[in-house]
Amino acid sequence: ARKFPPLTKAVSLDPSPSLGFDRIGGLAGPKEEVETYACGATHPETYEHWGTFAPSALLLIGQRGVGKHLLAQALAARAGTGFLHVHVPQLVLQLFHIAGQAGPLMAEWSQALSEMPPLTVFYDELEFSLAHEFGARRTDLPVGPVMDFLLDLVDRTIAVETTLVVGATCYPDTLRQAFLMPGRFERVVEVSPAYPEDVVAALRIRAADAEKRAGRTLFDDVDWPQVVQQLRDPSPGDWVRLLHAVLRRKAGCEVAG
């Protein structure tokens, strides 16, 4: 980031992630898959016992707000690594600010990863041209050169023995098959919350967190399933944001007297 300042807007590092799988509501199947990958990747002798290799990287697919980012963080905590979050759409935009420096950036990237303690590197939204942050499909992006850059970046990351690599996308139907080639994202996990159980589980965890932060009871007995069943479209992440919007409204009312 010191050598390429635009990267600071696209990449963030948590050196000691602490989010446990128990802090993610529901998602029993995806959690088991991700935890298995974490254990297998850090204990390759398990795969050797069966004459095979651990998947080179993991791809999480699912709609916005279903918990892909949380699963990647929990994987890092379970594996005892740092957590490097690469927001791919933002990285693509920042590439325009360092035009002509892609080669040096790539070399520095490989060097930096090889010198750092073990990391889980999370490539968030690989289908960058459809990213929600853009507002609409970006047809003006040089997709070919950007794809070459991303594939090289992923390959170099996977090549570092001390890294675990996780990707994610909300748009698996249009994701380039090159990402799924052998040696890249060899294991695909669908993150699809069970409705309404997983949404309710996420809300209960976040409501308890809010009460702990407040140091007092904030909620009476809430029939969470009844609340959630009124609307099927919101994701668990949307529901959590709604919960905090309600609490912020309460805070606003208090400030206003």
Protein backbone atom coordinates (compact mmCIF):
# COMPACT_ATOMS: atom_id res chain seq x y z
CA ALA A 1 0.00 0.00 0.00
CA ARG A 2 2.93 2.37 0.64
CA LYS A 3 4.24 1.79 -2.88
CA PHE A 4 0.79 1.78 -4.51
CA PRO A 5 -1.46 4.10 -2.44
CA PRO A 6 -4.66 3.38 -4.44
CA LEU A 7 -4.57 -0.14 -3.03
CA THR A 8 -5.51 1.21 0.39
CA LYS A 9 -9.08 1.65 -0.88
CA ALA A 10 -9.32 -1.93 -2.11
CA VAL A 11 -7.40 -4.01 0.43
CA SER A 12 -7.67 -4.30 4.21
CA LEU A 13 -5.85 -6.50 6.71
CA ASP A 14 -7.03 -7.98 10.00
CA PRO A 15 -3.93 -9.56 11.55
CA SER A 16 -5.85 -11.52 14.20
CA PRO A 17 -9.43 -12.34 13.19
CA SER A 18 -11.51 -13.71 16.05
CA LEU A 19 -14.92 -14.40 14.52
CA GLY A 20 -15.95 -17.96 15.34
CA PHE A 21 -18.32 -20.09 13.31
CA ASP A 22 -20.69 -20.00 16.28
CA ARG A 23 -21.12 -16.25 15.67
CA ILE A 24 -22.68 -16.92 12.26
CA GLY A 25 -26.40 -17.66 12.38
CA GLY A 26 -27.46 -20.89 10.68
CA LEU A 27 -25.63 -21.97 7.51
CA ALA A 28 -24.78 -25.38 8.98
CA GLY A 29 -23.83 -26.90 5.61
CA PRO A 30 -21.57 -24.09 4.37
CA LYS A 31 -19.94 -23.75 7.80
CA GLU A 32 -19.06 -27.45 7.79
CA GLU A 33 -17.62 -27.19 4.28
CA VAL A 34 -15.51 -24.13 5.13
CA GLU A 35 -14.28 -25.53 8.44
CA THR A 36 -13.34 -28.78 6.72
CA TYR A 37 -11.34 -26.80 4.16
CA ALA A 38 -9.59 -24.89 6.95
CA CYS A 39 -8.63 -28.08 8.76
CA GLY A 40 -7.61 -29.92 5.60
CA ALA A 41 -5.53 -27.06 4.25
CA THR A 42 -3.63 -26.75 7.51
CA HIS A 43 -3.24 -30.52 7.87
CA PRO A 44 -2.35 -31.78 4.37
CA GLU A 45 -1.48 -35.21 5.76
CA THR A 46 -5.23 -35.89 5.90
CA TYR A 47 -5.45 -35.66 2.13
CA GLU A 48 -2.20 -37.55 1.71
CA HIS A 49 -3.77 -40.39 3.69
CA TRP A 50 -6.31 -40.67 0.88
CA GLY A 51 -3.80 -40.19 -1.92
CA THR A 52 -5.01 -36.75 -3.01
CA PHE A 53 -4.46 -33.03 -2.37
CA ALA A 54 -6.33 -30.28 -0.55
CA PRO A 55 -8.34 -28.00 -2.88
CA SER A 56 -6.15 -25.15 -4.06
CA ALA A 57 -8.80 -22.54 -3.25
CA LEU A 58 -12.42 -22.22 -2.16
CA LEU A 59 -15.21 -20.32 -3.94
CA LEU A 60 -18.31 -19.16 -2.06
CA ILE A 61 -21.39 -18.41 -4.15
CA GLY A 62 -24.61 -16.82 -2.96
CA GLN A 63 -26.66 -13.64 -2.94
CA ARG A 64 -25.61 -10.43 -1.23
CA GLY A 65 -25.86 -10.49 2.55
CA VAL A 66 -25.99 -14.27 3.03
CA GLY A 67 -22.73 -14.49 5.00
CA LYS A 68 -19.91 -15.20 2.52
CA HIS A 69 -17.63 -12.57 4.06
CA LEU A 70 -18.34 -13.85 7.57
CA LEU A 71 -17.53 -17.42 6.54
CA ALA A 72 -14.19 -16.30 5.10
CA GLN A 73 -13.37 -14.43 8.32
CA ALA A 74 -14.31 -17.47 10.42
CA LEU A 75 -12.10 -19.66 8.23
CA ALA A 76 -9.15 -17.38 8.92
CA ALA A 77 -9.82 -17.47 12.65
CA ARG A 78 -10.19 -21.26 12.61
CA ALA A 79 -6.93 -21.69 10.67
CA GLY A 80 -5.07 -19.21 12.88
CA THR A 81 -4.12 -16.86 10.03
CA GLY A 82 -4.44 -13.18 9.33
CA PHE A 83 -7.32 -12.05 7.10
CA LEU A 84 -6.60 -10.05 3.96
CA HIS A 85 -9.78 -8.73 2.31
CA VAL A 86 -9.44 -7.80 -1.37
CA HIS A 87 -12.51 -5.98 -2.63
CA VAL A 88 -12.18 -6.87 -6.31
CA PRO A 89 -14.52 -4.22 -7.84
CA GLN A 90 -12.70 -1.47 -5.96
CA LEU A 91 -9.36 -2.98 -6.96
CA VAL A 92 -10.42 -2.89 -10.62
CA LEU A 93 -11.33 0.80 -10.32
CA GLN A 94 -8.06 1.60 -8.61
CA LEU A 95 -6.11 -0.09 -11.40
CA PHE A 96 -6.98 2.88 -13.59
CA HIS A 97 -5.07 5.12 -11.15
CA ILE A 98 -1.90 3.05 -11.50
CA ALA A 99 -2.06 2.36 -15.23
CA GLY A 100 1.19 0.89 -16.45
CA GLN A 101 2.19 -0.32 -12.97
CA ALA A 102 0.34 -3.64 -13.01
CA GLY A 103 3.58 -5.57 -13.55
CA PRO A 104 5.49 -4.01 -10.64
CA LEU A 105 2.39 -4.30 -8.45
CA MET A 106 2.16 -8.03 -9.20
CA ALA A 107 5.80 -8.60 -8.30
CA GLU A 108 5.44 -6.64 -5.06
CA TRP A 109 2.25 -8.58 -4.23
CA SER A 110 3.99 -11.93 -4.48
CA GLN A 111 6.98 -10.68 -2.49
CA ALA A 112 4.82 -9.19 0.27
CA LEU A 113 2.72 -12.34 0.69
CA SER A 114 5.78 -14.56 0.86
CA GLU A 115 7.26 -12.42 3.65
CA MET A 116 4.11 -12.17 5.77
CA PRO A 117 2.86 -14.63 8.40
CA PRO A 118 0.18 -17.09 7.20
CA LEU A 119 -2.82 -15.39 5.65
CA THR A 120 -6.30 -16.13 4.42
CA VAL A 121 -6.78 -13.98 1.31
CA PHE A 122 -10.42 -13.25 0.46
CA TYR A 123 -11.22 -12.09 -3.09
CA ASP A 124 -14.62 -10.50 -2.66
CA GLU A 125 -16.87 -10.38 -5.77
CA LEU A 126 -14.85 -11.88 -8.59
CA GLU A 127 -17.59 -11.05 -11.08
CA PHE A 128 -16.52 -7.43 -10.77
CA SER A 129 -18.41 -5.94 -13.74
CA LEU A 130 -21.78 -6.75 -12.12
CA ALA A 131 -20.87 -5.53 -8.65
CA HIS A 132 -23.59 -3.84 -6.66
CA GLU A 133 -21.27 -0.92 -5.95
CA PHE A 134 -21.21 0.02 -9.64
CA GLY A 135 -24.98 0.47 -9.75
CA ALA A 136 -25.24 -1.16 -13.18
CA ARG A 137 -23.22 -3.45 -15.41
CA ARG A 138 -20.00 -1.72 -16.41
CA THR A 139 -19.59 -2.21 -20.14
CA ASP A 140 -16.77 0.35 -20.33
CA LEU A 141 -14.28 -1.76 -18.39
CA PRO A 142 -11.49 -3.48 -20.34
CA VAL A 143 -12.68 -6.90 -19.21
CA GLY A 144 -10.02 -8.92 -21.02
CA PRO A 145 -6.93 -7.21 -19.57
CA VAL A 146 -8.56 -6.97 -16.14
CA MET A 147 -9.37 -10.70 -16.21
CA ASP A 148 -5.77 -11.50 -17.13
CA PHE A 149 -4.61 -9.37 -14.20
CA LEU A 150 -7.02 -11.00 -11.71
CA LEU A 151 -6.21 -14.54 -12.81
CA ASP A 152 -2.50 -13.83 -12.46
CA LEU A 153 -3.10 -12.26 -9.05
CA VAL A 154 -5.08 -15.30 -7.86
CA ASP A 155 -2.49 -17.72 -9.25
CA ARG A 156 0.34 -15.91 -7.49
CA THR A 157 -1.60 -15.90 -4.22
CA ILE A 158 -2.34 -19.63 -4.41
CA ALA A 159 1.34 -20.29 -5.16
CA VAL A 160 2.34 -18.91 -1.75
CA GLU A 161 2.35 -21.96 0.51
CA THR A 162 1.40 -20.05 3.64
CA THR A 163 -1.84 -18.64 2.22
CA LEU A 164 -5.40 -19.94 2.12
CA VAL A 165 -7.38 -18.47 -0.76
CA VAL A 166 -11.13 -17.86 -0.77
CA GLY A 167 -13.17 -16.19 -3.48
CA ALA A 168 -16.79 -15.10 -3.56
CA THR A 169 -19.39 -13.95 -6.04
CA CYS A 170 -23.07 -13.09 -6.12
CA TYR A 171 -23.19 -13.92 -9.84
CA PRO A 172 -22.01 -17.51 -10.36
CA ASP A 173 -23.98 -17.93 -13.60
CA THR A 174 -21.81 -15.39 -15.43
CA LEU A 175 -18.52 -15.98 -13.61
CA ARG A 176 -15.73 -16.78 -16.07
CA GLN A 177 -14.94 -20.48 -16.12
CA ALA A 178 -11.25 -19.65 -16.01
CA PHE A 179 -11.63 -19.09 -12.26
CA LEU A 180 -12.79 -22.70 -11.86
CA MET A 181 -9.92 -24.32 -13.72
CA PRO A 182 -7.80 -26.91 -11.87
CA GLY A 183 -5.34 -25.21 -9.57
CA ARG A 184 -7.65 -22.28 -8.89
CA PHE A 185 -11.02 -22.34 -7.14
CA GLU A 186 -11.39 -26.10 -7.10
CA ARG A 187 -14.02 -26.31 -4.37
CA VAL A 188 -17.34 -24.47 -4.75
CA VAL A 189 -19.64 -23.96 -1.76
CA GLU A 190 -23.16 -22.61 -2.17
CA VAL A 191 -24.17 -20.27 0.65
CA SER A 192 -27.95 -20.36 0.71
CA PRO A 193 -29.60 -19.64 4.09
CA ALA A 194 -32.53 -21.81 5.14
CA TYR A 195 -35.65 -19.69 5.48
CA PRO A 196 -36.65 -18.62 8.09
CA GLU A 197 -34.42 -20.61 10.49
CA ASP A 198 -31.06 -19.16 9.48
CA VAL A 199 -32.39 -15.60 9.34
CA VAL A 200 -33.86 -15.98 12.83
CA ALA A 201 -30.58 -17.41 14.14
CA ALA A 202 -28.65 -14.42 12.76
CA LEU A 203 -31.11 -11.94 14.26
CA ARG A 204 -30.97 -13.57 17.69
CA ILE A 205 -27.16 -13.39 17.71
CA ARG A 206 -27.13 -9.73 16.67
CA ALA A 207 -29.91 -8.77 19.09
CA ALA A 208 -27.95 -10.37 21.93
CA ASP A 209 -24.83 -8.49 20.79
CA ALA A 210 -26.76 -5.21 20.86
CA GLU A 211 -28.00 -5.88 24.40
CA LYS A 212 -24.49 -6.74 25.54
CA ARG A 213 -23.21 -3.50 24.03
CA ALA A 214 -26.00 -1.53 25.72
CA GLY A 215 -25.58 -3.31 29.04
CA ARG A 216 -29.32 -3.74 29.40
CA THR A 217 -32.36 -5.50 27.95
CA LEU A 218 -33.50 -3.90 24.68
CA PHE A 219 -36.05 -6.40 23.44
CA ASP A 220 -39.14 -7.90 24.99
CA ASP A 221 -40.00 -11.44 23.98
CA VAL A 222 -39.91 -11.27 20.18
CA ASP A 223 -41.50 -13.91 17.99
CA TRP A 224 -38.65 -13.75 15.49
CA PRO A 225 -40.08 -16.40 13.10
CA GLN A 226 -43.34 -14.44 12.92
CA VAL A 227 -41.43 -11.24 12.17
CA VAL A 228 -39.23 -12.81 9.50
CA GLN A 229 -42.00 -14.75 7.74
CA GLN A 230 -43.70 -11.50 6.75
CA LEU A 231 -40.97 -10.83 4.17
CA ARG A 232 -39.06 -13.45 2.20
CA ASP A 233 -36.83 -11.24 0.06
CA PRO A 234 -34.37 -9.72 2.59
CA SER A 235 -31.16 -11.64 3.21
CA PRO A 236 -29.84 -12.25 6.75
CA GLY A 237 -27.53 -9.28 6.23
CA ASP A 238 -30.48 -7.10 5.21
CA TRP A 239 -32.39 -8.15 8.35
CA VAL A 240 -29.41 -7.33 10.58
CA ARG A 241 -29.15 -3.89 8.98
CA LEU A 242 -32.87 -3.41 9.58
CA LEU A 243 -32.45 -4.35 13.24
CA HIS A 244 -29.75 -1.73 13.67
CA ALA A 245 -31.84 0.82 11.77
CA VAL A 246 -34.59 0.31 14.37
CA LEU A 247 -32.12 0.73 17.26
CA ARG A 248 -30.67 3.87 15.66
CA ARG A 249 -34.20 5.22 15.34
CA LYS A 250 -34.65 4.60 19.07
CA ALA A 251 -31.39 6.42 19.78
CA GLY A 252 -32.52 9.30 17.59
CA CYS A 253 -35.79 9.56 19.48
CA GLU A 254 -33.88 9.66 22.78
CA VAL A 255 -31.61 12.44 21.53
CA ALA A 256 -34.69 14.38 20.39
CA GLY A 257 -36.27 13.95 23.82
